[in-house]
């Protein structure tokens, strides 16, 4: 329906952008907190780089 109806698309895009901005802000806060917390592990084996943590966050959610 979204791609077939221009009026619907025009009405929905602002809401989608707001939701995406809220998601990005929440993700950024949680990601930075997670990186900070895991950097405090005593064992270097448990520490991950930001790139590795980001890759793990992008993987498919195992809980769904």
PDB file of N, CA and C in Angstrom:
ATOM      1  N   UNK A   1       0.827  -1.192   0.000  1.00  0.00           N
ATOM      2  CA  UNK A   1       0.000   0.000   0.000  1.00  0.00           C
ATOM      3  C   UNK A   1       0.875   1.261   0.000  1.00  0.00           C
ATOM      4  N   UNK A   2       1.995   1.194   0.716  1.00  0.00           N
ATOM      5  CA  UNK A   2       2.858   2.363   0.852  1.00  0.00           C
ATOM      6  C   UNK A   2       3.366   2.856  -0.503  1.00  0.00           C
ATOM      7  N   UNK A   3       3.743   1.937  -1.375  1.00  0.00           N
ATOM      8  CA  UNK A   3       4.300   2.337  -2.666  1.00  0.00           C
ATOM      9  C   UNK A   3       3.241   2.566  -3.741  1.00  0.00           C
ATOM     10  N   UNK A   4       2.022   2.157  -3.475  1.00  0.00           N
ATOM     11  CA  UNK A   4       0.969   2.295  -4.479  1.00  0.00           C
ATOM     12  C   UNK A   4       0.169   3.580  -4.339  1.00  0.00           C
ATOM     13  N   UNK A   5       0.177   4.167  -3.165  1.00  0.00           N
ATOM     14  CA  UNK A   5      -0.654   5.344  -2.895  1.00  0.00           C
ATOM     15  C   UNK A   5       0.250   6.515  -2.508  1.00  0.00           C
ATOM     16  N   UNK A   6       0.364   7.503  -3.392  1.00  0.00           N
ATOM     17  CA  UNK A   6       1.247   8.644  -3.144  1.00  0.00           C
ATOM     18  C   UNK A   6       0.830   9.444  -1.911  1.00  0.00           C
ATOM     19  N   UNK A   7      -0.446   9.646  -1.721  1.00  0.00           N
ATOM     20  CA  UNK A   7      -0.922  10.416  -0.561  1.00  0.00           C
ATOM     21  C   UNK A   7      -0.563   9.702   0.738  1.00  0.00           C
ATOM     22  N   UNK A   8      -0.750   8.403   0.751  1.00  0.00           N
ATOM     23  CA  UNK A   8      -0.403   7.609   1.933  1.00  0.00           C
ATOM     24  C   UNK A   8       1.093   7.720   2.214  1.00  0.00           C
ATOM     25  N   UNK A   9       1.893   7.637   1.154  1.00  0.00           N
ATOM     26  CA  UNK A   9       3.347   7.752   1.284  1.00  0.00           C
ATOM     27  C   UNK A   9       3.739   9.113   1.849  1.00  0.00           C
ATOM     28  N   UNK A  10       3.142  10.170   1.322  1.00  0.00           N
ATOM     29  CA  UNK A  10       3.451  11.530   1.782  1.00  0.00           C
ATOM     30  C   UNK A  10       3.083  11.706   3.253  1.00  0.00           C
ATOM     31  N   UNK A  11       2.005  11.088   3.681  1.00  0.00           N
ATOM     32  CA  UNK A  11       1.580  11.189   5.079  1.00  0.00           C
ATOM     33  C   UNK A  11       2.440  10.337   6.007  1.00  0.00           C
ATOM     34  N   UNK A  12       2.936   9.216   5.524  1.00  0.00           N
ATOM     35  CA  UNK A  12       3.665   8.277   6.374  1.00  0.00           C
ATOM     36  C   UNK A  12       5.151   8.594   6.511  1.00  0.00           C
ATOM     37  N   UNK A  13       5.759   9.213   5.529  1.00  0.00           N
ATOM     38  CA  UNK A  13       7.207   9.461   5.570  1.00  0.00           C
ATOM     39  C   UNK A  13       7.635  10.293   6.778  1.00  0.00           C
ATOM     40  N   UNK A  14       6.954  11.383   7.136  1.00  0.00           N
ATOM     41  CA  UNK A  14       7.394  12.132   8.323  1.00  0.00           C
ATOM     42  C   UNK A  14       7.375  11.287   9.602  1.00  0.00           C
ATOM     43  N   UNK A  15       6.358  10.449   9.755  1.00  0.00           N
ATOM     44  CA  UNK A  15       6.300   9.568  10.925  1.00  0.00           C
ATOM     45  C   UNK A  15       7.431   8.552  10.905  1.00  0.00           C
ATOM     46  N   UNK A  16       7.712   8.003   9.738  1.00  0.00           N
ATOM     47  CA  UNK A  16       8.794   7.025   9.617  1.00  0.00           C
ATOM     48  C   UNK A  16      10.146   7.649   9.935  1.00  0.00           C
ATOM     49  N   UNK A  17      10.360   8.862   9.468  1.00  0.00           N
ATOM     50  CA  UNK A  17      11.628   9.551   9.730  1.00  0.00           C
ATOM     51  C   UNK A  17      11.773   9.840  11.221  1.00  0.00           C
ATOM     52  N   UNK A  18      10.707  10.260  11.874  1.00  0.00           N
ATOM     53  CA  UNK A  18      10.756  10.517  13.317  1.00  0.00           C
ATOM     54  C   UNK A  18      11.055   9.234  14.081  1.00  0.00           C
ATOM     55  N   UNK A  19      10.412   8.134  13.697  1.00  0.00           N
ATOM     56  CA  UNK A  19      10.665   6.853  14.355  1.00  0.00           C
ATOM     57  C   UNK A  19      12.105   6.406  14.138  1.00  0.00           C
ATOM     58  N   UNK A  20      12.620   6.611  12.936  1.00  0.00           N
ATOM     59  CA  UNK A  20      13.999   6.243  12.636  1.00  0.00           C
ATOM     60  C   UNK A  20      14.984   7.085  13.446  1.00  0.00           C
ATOM     61  N   UNK A  21      14.709   8.374  13.593  1.00  0.00           N
ATOM     62  CA  UNK A  21      15.572   9.242  14.398  1.00  0.00           C
ATOM     63  C   UNK A  21      15.561   8.814  15.860  1.00  0.00           C
ATOM     64  N   UNK A  22      14.398   8.482  16.392  1.00  0.00           N
ATOM     65  CA  UNK A  22      14.295   8.031  17.784  1.00  0.00           C
ATOM     66  C   UNK A  22      15.042   6.714  17.966  1.00  0.00           C
ATOM     67  N   UNK A  23      14.890   5.792  17.014  1.00  0.00           N
ATOM     68  CA  UNK A  23      15.597   4.512  17.081  1.00  0.00           C
ATOM     69  C   UNK A  23      17.106   4.739  17.053  1.00  0.00           C
ATOM     70  N   UNK A  24      17.563   5.589  16.148  1.00  0.00           N
ATOM     71  CA  UNK A  24      18.996   5.867  16.023  1.00  0.00           C
ATOM     72  C   UNK A  24      19.551   6.475  17.312  1.00  0.00           C
ATOM     73  N   UNK A  25      18.823   7.408  17.908  1.00  0.00           N
ATOM     74  CA  UNK A  25      19.274   8.039  19.145  1.00  0.00           C
ATOM     75  C   UNK A  25      19.363   7.007  20.270  1.00  0.00           C
ATOM     76  N   UNK A  26      18.348   6.166  20.407  1.00  0.00           N
ATOM     77  CA  UNK A  26      18.359   5.135  21.446  1.00  0.00           C
ATOM     78  C   UNK A  26      19.466   4.121  21.199  1.00  0.00           C
ATOM     79  N   UNK A  27      19.638   3.703  19.941  1.00  0.00           N
ATOM     80  CA  UNK A  27      20.678   2.743  19.606  1.00  0.00           C
ATOM     81  C   UNK A  27      22.049   3.315  19.935  1.00  0.00           C
ATOM     82  N   UNK A  28      22.269   4.566  19.585  1.00  0.00           N
ATOM     83  CA  UNK A  28      23.556   5.207  19.828  1.00  0.00           C
ATOM     84  C   UNK A  28      23.879   5.269  21.318  1.00  0.00           C
ATOM     85  N   UNK A  29      22.904   5.650  22.121  1.00  0.00           N
ATOM     86  CA  UNK A  29      23.118   5.727  23.568  1.00  0.00           C
ATOM     87  C   UNK A  29      23.433   4.356  24.157  1.00  0.00           C
ATOM     88  N   UNK A  30      22.653   3.367  23.782  1.00  0.00           N
ATOM     89  CA  UNK A  30      22.849   2.021  24.319  1.00  0.00           C
ATOM     90  C   UNK A  30      24.160   1.432  23.818  1.00  0.00           C
ATOM     91  N   UNK A  31      24.481   1.664  22.549  1.00  0.00           N
ATOM     92  CA  UNK A  31      25.722   1.140  21.986  1.00  0.00           C
ATOM     93  C   UNK A  31      26.936   1.731  22.699  1.00  0.00           C
ATOM     94  N   UNK A  32      26.949   3.038  22.917  1.00  0.00           N
ATOM     95  CA  UNK A  32      28.065   3.680  23.618  1.00  0.00           C
ATOM     96  C   UNK A  32      28.178   3.178  25.054  1.00  0.00           C
ATOM     97  N   UNK A  33      27.044   2.978  25.720  1.00  0.00           N
ATOM     98  CA  UNK A  33      27.055   2.454  27.086  1.00  0.00           C
ATOM     99  C   UNK A  33      27.601   1.026  27.102  1.00  0.00           C
ATOM    100  N   UNK A  34      27.159   0.195  26.169  1.00  0.00           N
ATOM    101  CA  UNK A  34      27.639  -1.180  26.093  1.00  0.00           C
ATOM    102  C   UNK A  34      29.140  -1.214  25.839  1.00  0.00           C
ATOM    103  N   UNK A  35      29.625  -0.378  24.926  1.00  0.00           N
ATOM    104  CA  UNK A  35      31.055  -0.349  24.637  1.00  0.00           C
ATOM    105  C   UNK A  35      31.852   0.099  25.865  1.00  0.00           C
ATOM    106  N   UNK A  36      31.340   1.089  26.587  1.00  0.00           N
ATOM    107  CA  UNK A  36      32.000   1.553  27.803  1.00  0.00           C
ATOM    108  C   UNK A  36      32.050   0.442  28.848  1.00  0.00           C
ATOM    109  N   UNK A  37      30.925  -0.232  29.052  1.00  0.00           N
ATOM    110  CA  UNK A  37      30.864  -1.278  30.079  1.00  0.00           C
ATOM    111  C   UNK A  37      31.779  -2.454  29.734  1.00  0.00           C
ATOM    112  N   UNK A  38      31.767  -2.917  28.517  1.00  0.00           N
ATOM    113  CA  UNK A  38      32.591  -4.069  28.169  1.00  0.00           C
ATOM    114  C   UNK A  38      34.066  -3.711  28.154  1.00  0.00           C
ATOM    115  N   UNK A  39      34.405  -2.456  27.995  1.00  0.00           N
ATOM    116  CA  UNK A  39      35.818  -2.064  28.016  1.00  0.00           C
ATOM    117  C   UNK A  39      36.405  -2.152  29.422  1.00  0.00           C
ATOM    118  N   UNK A  40      35.537  -2.304  30.421  1.00  0.00           N
ATOM    119  CA  UNK A  40      35.994  -2.411  31.807  1.00  0.00           C
ATOM    120  C   UNK A  40      36.309  -3.845  32.216  1.00  0.00           C
ATOM    121  N   UNK A  41      36.065  -4.828  31.331  1.00  0.00           N
ATOM    122  CA  UNK A  41      36.374  -6.218  31.657  1.00  0.00           C
ATOM    123  C   UNK A  41      37.869  -6.368  31.887  1.00  0.00           C
ATOM    124  N   UNK A  42      38.214  -7.156  32.891  1.00  0.00           N
ATOM    125  CA  UNK A  42      39.620  -7.366  33.216  1.00  0.00           C
ATOM    126  C   UNK A  42      40.319  -8.205  32.139  1.00  0.00           C
ATOM    127  N   UNK A  43      39.624  -9.185  31.613  1.00  0.00           N
ATOM    128  CA  UNK A  43      40.222 -10.048  30.597  1.00  0.00           C
ATOM    129  C   UNK A  43      40.075  -9.418  29.215  1.00  0.00           C
ATOM    130  N   UNK A  44      41.185  -9.310  28.523  1.00  0.00           N
ATOM    131  CA  UNK A  44      41.128  -8.700  27.192  1.00  0.00           C
ATOM    132  C   UNK A  44      40.370  -9.577  26.201  1.00  0.00           C
ATOM    133  N   UNK A  45      40.240 -10.868  26.506  1.00  0.00           N
ATOM    134  CA  UNK A  45      39.497 -11.781  25.633  1.00  0.00           C
ATOM    135  C   UNK A  45      38.025 -11.378  25.571  1.00  0.00           C
ATOM    136  N   UNK A  46      37.500 -10.803  26.646  1.00  0.00           N
ATOM    137  CA  UNK A  46      36.097 -10.417  26.712  1.00  0.00           C
ATOM    138  C   UNK A  46      35.827  -9.074  26.042  1.00  0.00           C
ATOM    139  N   UNK A  47      36.856  -8.278  25.836  1.00  0.00           N
ATOM    140  CA  UNK A  47      36.678  -6.958  25.228  1.00  0.00           C
ATOM    141  C   UNK A  47      36.533  -7.080  23.718  1.00  0.00           C
ATOM    142  N   UNK A  48      35.658  -6.276  23.169  1.00  0.00           N
ATOM    143  CA  UNK A  48      35.440  -6.258  21.724  1.00  0.00           C
ATOM    144  C   UNK A  48      35.683  -4.841  21.210  1.00  0.00           C
ATOM    145  N   UNK A  49      36.105  -4.747  19.974  1.00  0.00           N
ATOM    146  CA  UNK A  49      36.261  -3.431  19.358  1.00  0.00           C
ATOM    147  C   UNK A  49      34.878  -2.870  19.041  1.00  0.00           C
ATOM    148  N   UNK A  50      34.829  -1.570  18.791  1.00  0.00           N
ATOM    149  CA  UNK A  50      33.544  -0.963  18.413  1.00  0.00           C
ATOM    150  C   UNK A  50      33.014  -1.610  17.136  1.00  0.00           C
ATOM    151  N   UNK A  51      33.890  -1.897  16.216  1.00  0.00           N
ATOM    152  CA  UNK A  51      33.471  -2.514  14.954  1.00  0.00           C
ATOM    153  C   UNK A  51      32.834  -3.883  15.203  1.00  0.00           C
ATOM    154  N   UNK A  52      33.458  -4.691  16.075  1.00  0.00           N
ATOM    155  CA  UNK A  52      32.907  -6.017  16.376  1.00  0.00           C
ATOM    156  C   UNK A  52      31.562  -5.901  17.085  1.00  0.00           C
ATOM    157  N   UNK A  53      31.444  -4.971  18.017  1.00  0.00           N
ATOM    158  CA  UNK A  53      30.165  -4.776  18.706  1.00  0.00           C
ATOM    159  C   UNK A  53      29.087  -4.312  17.736  1.00  0.00           C
ATOM    160  N   UNK A  54      29.434  -3.425  16.834  1.00  0.00           N
ATOM    161  CA  UNK A  54      28.466  -2.931  15.857  1.00  0.00           C
ATOM    162  C   UNK A  54      28.013  -4.060  14.936  1.00  0.00           C
ATOM    163  N   UNK A  55      28.952  -4.892  14.510  1.00  0.00           N
ATOM    164  CA  UNK A  55      28.604  -6.030  13.668  1.00  0.00           C
ATOM    165  C   UNK A  55      27.655  -6.966  14.398  1.00  0.00           C
ATOM    166  N   UNK A  56      27.934  -7.216  15.675  1.00  0.00           N
ATOM    167  CA  UNK A  56      27.057  -8.075  16.471  1.00  0.00           C
ATOM    168  C   UNK A  56      25.668  -7.457  16.606  1.00  0.00           C
ATOM    169  N   UNK A  57      25.599  -6.151  16.740  1.00  0.00           N
ATOM    170  CA  UNK A  57      24.305  -5.472  16.872  1.00  0.00           C
ATOM    171  C   UNK A  57      23.511  -5.530  15.572  1.00  0.00           C
ATOM    172  N   UNK A  58      24.196  -5.595  14.437  1.00  0.00           N
ATOM    173  CA  UNK A  58      23.510  -5.635  13.149  1.00  0.00           C
ATOM    174  C   UNK A  58      23.026  -7.029  12.768  1.00  0.00           C
ATOM    175  N   UNK A  59      23.555  -8.054  13.445  1.00  0.00           N
ATOM    176  CA  UNK A  59      23.123  -9.407  13.134  1.00  0.00           C
ATOM    177  C   UNK A  59      21.655  -9.580  13.493  1.00  0.00           C
ATOM    178  N   UNK A  60      21.050 -10.578  12.922  1.00  0.00           N
ATOM    179  CA  UNK A  60      19.628 -10.845  13.167  1.00  0.00           C
ATOM    180  C   UNK A  60      19.385 -11.086  14.651  1.00  0.00           C
ATOM    181  N   UNK A  61      18.284 -10.549  15.146  1.00  0.00           N
ATOM    182  CA  UNK A  61      17.922 -10.690  16.550  1.00  0.00           C
ATOM    183  C   UNK A  61      17.604 -12.151  16.841  1.00  0.00           C
ATOM    184  N   UNK A  62      18.327 -12.743  17.775  1.00  0.00           N
ATOM    185  CA  UNK A  62      18.142 -14.148  18.120  1.00  0.00           C
ATOM    186  C   UNK A  62      16.865 -14.384  18.921  1.00  0.00           C
ATOM    187  N   UNK A  63      16.309 -13.348  19.535  1.00  0.00           N
ATOM    188  CA  UNK A  63      15.143 -13.508  20.391  1.00  0.00           C
ATOM    189  C   UNK A  63      13.843 -13.581  19.609  1.00  0.00           C
ATOM    190  N   UNK A  64      13.837 -13.180  18.383  1.00  0.00           N
ATOM    191  CA  UNK A  64      12.582 -13.180  17.609  1.00  0.00           C
ATOM    192  C   UNK A  64      12.388 -14.469  16.864  1.00  0.00           C
TER     193      UNK A  64
END
